[in-house]
Amino acid sequence: MKNFILILLILLLFAPLPLSADEDSIFCNNPQAWDHINAMVEKDPNDIPLQILHALRIGLCVKIEQNSISSLEAINLFNDIVDTMANKRGEIEERKGKMEL
């Protein structure tokens, strides 16, 4: 359940952001978001889904810097993966709950 809550926190933190030309790099240039995810990774280094999301964010920012993907595309991709992981964790937690009954 703890992991599921962490994923939900990430999902809320990185909710889709409206982008204008001036805000195009907000996905990568948000110190508060980086501090948050870095602290979570440091706190729970064995949380593989969290490690995957952290690595994905780093990789997407590299691709944005290389101009091979837009910030909007990166945000949408990141949010899709967060949703997928949250759903998978929810299913796992639900199965665990049923097994305990």
N, C-alpha and C. Protein backbone atom coordinates (compact mmCIF):
# COMPACT_ATOMS: atom_id res chain seq x y z
N MET A 1 0.83 -1.19 0.00
CA MET A 1 0.00 0.00 0.00
C MET A 1 0.87 1.25 0.00
N LYS A 2 2.01 1.19 0.70
CA LYS A 2 2.92 2.33 0.77
C LYS A 2 3.40 2.73 -0.64
N ASN A 3 3.73 1.72 -1.44
CA ASN A 3 4.20 2.00 -2.79
C ASN A 3 3.10 2.61 -3.65
N PHE A 4 1.91 2.13 -3.48
CA PHE A 4 0.78 2.67 -4.24
C PHE A 4 0.58 4.15 -3.91
N ILE A 5 0.70 4.50 -2.65
CA ILE A 5 0.56 5.89 -2.23
C ILE A 5 1.67 6.74 -2.83
N LEU A 6 2.89 6.21 -2.87
CA LEU A 6 4.00 6.95 -3.47
C LEU A 6 3.74 7.25 -4.95
N ILE A 7 3.25 6.26 -5.66
CA ILE A 7 2.94 6.47 -7.08
C ILE A 7 1.85 7.52 -7.24
N LEU A 8 0.85 7.48 -6.38
CA LEU A 8 -0.21 8.49 -6.46
C LEU A 8 0.34 9.89 -6.19
N LEU A 9 1.26 10.00 -5.24
CA LEU A 9 1.89 11.29 -4.97
C LEU A 9 2.65 11.79 -6.19
N ILE A 10 3.36 10.89 -6.84
CA ILE A 10 4.09 11.27 -8.05
C ILE A 10 3.10 11.72 -9.12
N LEU A 11 2.04 10.96 -9.26
CA LEU A 11 1.03 11.30 -10.26
C LEU A 11 0.48 12.70 -10.02
N LEU A 12 0.19 13.03 -8.77
CA LEU A 12 -0.32 14.36 -8.45
C LEU A 12 0.73 15.44 -8.69
N LEU A 13 1.98 15.13 -8.35
CA LEU A 13 3.05 16.10 -8.52
C LEU A 13 3.30 16.41 -9.98
N PHE A 14 3.20 15.40 -10.82
CA PHE A 14 3.52 15.58 -12.23
C PHE A 14 2.27 15.55 -13.10
N ALA A 15 1.18 16.03 -12.56
CA ALA A 15 -0.06 16.10 -13.33
C ALA A 15 0.16 16.92 -14.59
N PRO A 16 -0.60 16.66 -15.63
CA PRO A 16 -0.39 17.41 -16.88
C PRO A 16 -0.38 18.92 -16.63
N LEU A 17 0.57 19.55 -17.24
CA LEU A 17 0.74 20.98 -17.07
C LEU A 17 0.39 21.70 -18.37
N PRO A 18 -0.35 22.79 -18.29
CA PRO A 18 -0.60 23.56 -19.50
C PRO A 18 0.70 24.25 -19.90
N LEU A 19 1.06 24.14 -21.16
CA LEU A 19 2.32 24.71 -21.61
C LEU A 19 2.11 25.85 -22.59
N SER A 20 2.87 26.89 -22.40
CA SER A 20 2.96 27.95 -23.39
C SER A 20 4.39 27.96 -23.86
N ALA A 21 4.72 28.80 -24.80
CA ALA A 21 6.09 28.87 -25.32
C ALA A 21 7.07 29.19 -24.20
N ASP A 22 6.66 30.04 -23.24
CA ASP A 22 7.55 30.43 -22.15
C ASP A 22 7.71 29.32 -21.12
N GLU A 23 6.76 28.40 -21.07
CA GLU A 23 6.78 27.34 -20.06
C GLU A 23 7.22 26.01 -20.64
N ASP A 24 7.78 26.02 -21.86
CA ASP A 24 8.07 24.78 -22.57
C ASP A 24 9.01 23.86 -21.83
N SER A 25 9.88 24.39 -20.97
CA SER A 25 10.86 23.53 -20.30
C SER A 25 10.50 23.27 -18.84
N ILE A 26 9.26 23.52 -18.42
CA ILE A 26 8.88 23.36 -17.01
C ILE A 26 9.02 21.91 -16.54
N PHE A 27 8.87 20.95 -17.42
CA PHE A 27 8.99 19.54 -17.04
C PHE A 27 10.39 19.24 -16.50
N CYS A 28 11.40 19.82 -17.11
CA CYS A 28 12.78 19.53 -16.71
C CYS A 28 13.36 20.58 -15.77
N ASN A 29 12.85 21.77 -15.80
CA ASN A 29 13.42 22.87 -15.02
C ASN A 29 12.54 23.25 -13.84
N ASN A 30 12.13 22.25 -13.08
CA ASN A 30 11.30 22.47 -11.91
C ASN A 30 12.04 21.93 -10.69
N PRO A 31 12.83 22.77 -10.02
CA PRO A 31 13.64 22.30 -8.89
C PRO A 31 12.82 21.60 -7.80
N GLN A 32 11.62 22.07 -7.52
CA GLN A 32 10.80 21.44 -6.48
C GLN A 32 10.42 20.02 -6.88
N ALA A 33 10.07 19.82 -8.14
CA ALA A 33 9.72 18.48 -8.60
C ALA A 33 10.93 17.55 -8.53
N TRP A 34 12.09 18.05 -8.94
CA TRP A 34 13.31 17.23 -8.87
C TRP A 34 13.67 16.92 -7.42
N ASP A 35 13.57 17.90 -6.54
CA ASP A 35 13.86 17.65 -5.13
C ASP A 35 12.94 16.57 -4.57
N HIS A 36 11.67 16.64 -4.95
CA HIS A 36 10.69 15.68 -4.46
C HIS A 36 11.00 14.26 -4.94
N ILE A 37 11.19 14.10 -6.23
CA ILE A 37 11.43 12.75 -6.76
C ILE A 37 12.79 12.21 -6.31
N ASN A 38 13.80 13.09 -6.24
CA ASN A 38 15.11 12.64 -5.76
C ASN A 38 15.05 12.19 -4.30
N ALA A 39 14.29 12.91 -3.48
CA ALA A 39 14.13 12.52 -2.07
C ALA A 39 13.41 11.18 -1.96
N MET A 40 12.40 10.97 -2.78
CA MET A 40 11.67 9.71 -2.75
C MET A 40 12.57 8.54 -3.16
N VAL A 41 13.38 8.76 -4.19
CA VAL A 41 14.30 7.72 -4.66
C VAL A 41 15.34 7.40 -3.59
N GLU A 42 15.83 8.44 -2.93
CA GLU A 42 16.81 8.24 -1.87
C GLU A 42 16.19 7.52 -0.68
N LYS A 43 14.95 7.86 -0.36
CA LYS A 43 14.27 7.26 0.80
C LYS A 43 13.98 5.78 0.57
N ASP A 44 13.65 5.41 -0.65
CA ASP A 44 13.29 4.02 -0.94
C ASP A 44 13.99 3.54 -2.21
N PRO A 45 15.31 3.29 -2.13
CA PRO A 45 16.07 2.91 -3.32
C PRO A 45 15.69 1.54 -3.90
N ASN A 46 14.97 0.73 -3.14
CA ASN A 46 14.56 -0.58 -3.63
C ASN A 46 13.20 -0.58 -4.32
N ASP A 47 12.58 0.58 -4.44
CA ASP A 47 11.29 0.70 -5.12
C ASP A 47 11.57 0.80 -6.62
N ILE A 48 11.53 -0.34 -7.29
CA ILE A 48 11.90 -0.39 -8.70
C ILE A 48 10.99 0.46 -9.58
N PRO A 49 9.66 0.42 -9.42
CA PRO A 49 8.83 1.30 -10.25
C PRO A 49 9.19 2.78 -10.07
N LEU A 50 9.50 3.19 -8.86
CA LEU A 50 9.91 4.57 -8.63
C LEU A 50 11.24 4.85 -9.33
N GLN A 51 12.17 3.90 -9.27
CA GLN A 51 13.45 4.06 -9.97
C GLN A 51 13.23 4.19 -11.48
N ILE A 52 12.29 3.41 -12.00
CA ILE A 52 11.96 3.48 -13.43
C ILE A 52 11.43 4.87 -13.79
N LEU A 53 10.52 5.39 -12.98
CA LEU A 53 9.97 6.72 -13.25
C LEU A 53 11.06 7.79 -13.18
N HIS A 54 11.95 7.67 -12.23
CA HIS A 54 13.05 8.63 -12.08
C HIS A 54 13.94 8.59 -13.34
N ALA A 55 14.30 7.38 -13.76
CA ALA A 55 15.14 7.23 -14.95
C ALA A 55 14.42 7.73 -16.20
N LEU A 56 13.13 7.47 -16.29
CA LEU A 56 12.36 7.94 -17.43
C LEU A 56 12.36 9.46 -17.49
N ARG A 57 12.16 10.10 -16.36
CA ARG A 57 12.16 11.57 -16.33
C ARG A 57 13.51 12.13 -16.78
N ILE A 58 14.59 11.52 -16.28
CA ILE A 58 15.93 11.96 -16.68
C ILE A 58 16.11 11.79 -18.19
N GLY A 59 15.74 10.62 -18.69
CA GLY A 59 15.87 10.36 -20.13
C GLY A 59 15.02 11.28 -20.98
N LEU A 60 13.81 11.56 -20.56
CA LEU A 60 12.96 12.46 -21.32
C LEU A 60 13.55 13.86 -21.36
N CYS A 61 14.15 14.29 -20.26
CA CYS A 61 14.77 15.62 -20.24
C CYS A 61 15.98 15.68 -21.18
N VAL A 62 16.72 14.60 -21.27
CA VAL A 62 17.83 14.54 -22.24
C VAL A 62 17.27 14.68 -23.65
N LYS A 63 16.20 13.96 -23.94
CA LYS A 63 15.59 14.03 -25.27
C LYS A 63 15.03 15.41 -25.57
N ILE A 64 14.48 16.09 -24.56
CA ILE A 64 13.99 17.46 -24.75
C ILE A 64 15.16 18.37 -25.09
N GLU A 65 16.27 18.23 -24.35
CA GLU A 65 17.45 19.05 -24.61
C GLU A 65 18.00 18.81 -26.01
N GLN A 66 17.86 17.60 -26.53
CA GLN A 66 18.34 17.25 -27.87
C GLN A 66 17.34 17.65 -28.95
N ASN A 67 16.21 18.23 -28.53
CA ASN A 67 15.13 18.62 -29.44
C ASN A 67 14.57 17.45 -30.24
N SER A 68 14.61 16.24 -29.65
CA SER A 68 14.03 15.10 -30.34
C SER A 68 12.63 14.77 -29.84
N ILE A 69 12.20 15.48 -28.79
CA ILE A 69 10.85 15.33 -28.26
C ILE A 69 10.47 16.67 -27.62
N SER A 70 9.21 17.02 -27.71
CA SER A 70 8.77 18.28 -27.10
C SER A 70 8.45 18.05 -25.62
N SER A 71 8.40 19.13 -24.88
CA SER A 71 8.04 19.03 -23.46
C SER A 71 6.64 18.45 -23.30
N LEU A 72 5.74 18.87 -24.16
CA LEU A 72 4.37 18.35 -24.07
C LEU A 72 4.33 16.85 -24.33
N GLU A 73 5.07 16.38 -25.33
CA GLU A 73 5.13 14.95 -25.59
C GLU A 73 5.74 14.20 -24.40
N ALA A 74 6.78 14.78 -23.81
CA ALA A 74 7.44 14.16 -22.66
C ALA A 74 6.48 14.07 -21.48
N ILE A 75 5.78 15.14 -21.21
CA ILE A 75 4.82 15.15 -20.10
C ILE A 75 3.73 14.12 -20.32
N ASN A 76 3.20 14.06 -21.54
CA ASN A 76 2.15 13.08 -21.83
C ASN A 76 2.66 11.66 -21.69
N LEU A 77 3.86 11.38 -22.18
CA LEU A 77 4.43 10.05 -22.06
C LEU A 77 4.67 9.69 -20.59
N PHE A 78 5.24 10.62 -19.84
CA PHE A 78 5.51 10.38 -18.42
C PHE A 78 4.20 10.10 -17.67
N ASN A 79 3.20 10.90 -17.93
CA ASN A 79 1.91 10.70 -17.25
C ASN A 79 1.26 9.38 -17.63
N ASP A 80 1.41 8.97 -18.89
CA ASP A 80 0.88 7.67 -19.32
C ASP A 80 1.56 6.53 -18.55
N ILE A 81 2.88 6.62 -18.37
CA ILE A 81 3.61 5.58 -17.65
C ILE A 81 3.24 5.59 -16.17
N VAL A 82 3.10 6.77 -15.59
CA VAL A 82 2.67 6.87 -14.18
C VAL A 82 1.30 6.22 -14.00
N ASP A 83 0.38 6.53 -14.90
CA ASP A 83 -0.96 5.93 -14.84
C ASP A 83 -0.87 4.40 -14.92
N THR A 84 -0.06 3.92 -15.85
CA THR A 84 0.10 2.47 -16.03
C THR A 84 0.64 1.82 -14.77
N MET A 85 1.66 2.43 -14.19
CA MET A 85 2.27 1.87 -12.98
C MET A 85 1.31 1.95 -11.80
N ALA A 86 0.58 3.04 -11.68
CA ALA A 86 -0.37 3.16 -10.58
C ALA A 86 -1.46 2.12 -10.71
N ASN A 87 -1.95 1.90 -11.92
CA ASN A 87 -2.98 0.88 -12.14
C ASN A 87 -2.45 -0.51 -11.81
N LYS A 88 -1.21 -0.80 -12.25
CA LYS A 88 -0.62 -2.10 -11.98
C LYS A 88 -0.45 -2.32 -10.48
N ARG A 89 0.03 -1.29 -9.78
CA ARG A 89 0.20 -1.41 -8.33
C ARG A 89 -1.14 -1.59 -7.64
N GLY A 90 -2.15 -0.87 -8.12
CA GLY A 90 -3.48 -1.02 -7.55
C GLY A 90 -4.00 -2.43 -7.71
N GLU A 91 -3.76 -3.02 -8.88
CA GLU A 91 -4.19 -4.40 -9.12
C GLU A 91 -3.44 -5.37 -8.19
N ILE A 92 -2.15 -5.15 -8.02
CA ILE A 92 -1.35 -6.01 -7.15
C ILE A 92 -1.84 -5.91 -5.71
N GLU A 93 -2.08 -4.69 -5.24
CA GLU A 93 -2.56 -4.49 -3.88
C GLU A 93 -3.93 -5.12 -3.69
N GLU A 94 -4.76 -5.02 -4.72
CA GLU A 94 -6.10 -5.62 -4.64
C GLU A 94 -6.00 -7.14 -4.53
N ARG A 95 -5.10 -7.74 -5.33
CA ARG A 95 -4.91 -9.19 -5.26
C ARG A 95 -4.37 -9.61 -3.90
N LYS A 96 -3.44 -8.83 -3.37
CA LYS A 96 -2.89 -9.14 -2.03
C LYS A 96 -3.99 -9.09 -0.98
N GLY A 97 -4.87 -8.09 -1.09
CA GLY A 97 -5.97 -7.96 -0.14
C GLY A 97 -6.92 -9.14 -0.20
N LYS A 98 -7.19 -9.61 -1.40
CA LYS A 98 -8.09 -10.76 -1.57
C LYS A 98 -7.45 -12.03 -1.03
N MET A 99 -6.14 -12.15 -1.16
CA MET A 99 -5.45 -13.34 -0.68
C MET A 99 -5.43 -13.39 0.84
N GLU A 100 -5.44 -12.23 1.49
CA GLU A 100 -5.41 -12.16 2.94
C GLU A 100 -6.75 -12.49 3.57
N LEU A 101 -7.81 -12.40 2.79
CA LEU A 101 -9.15 -12.67 3.32
C LEU A 101 -9.36 -14.11 3.54
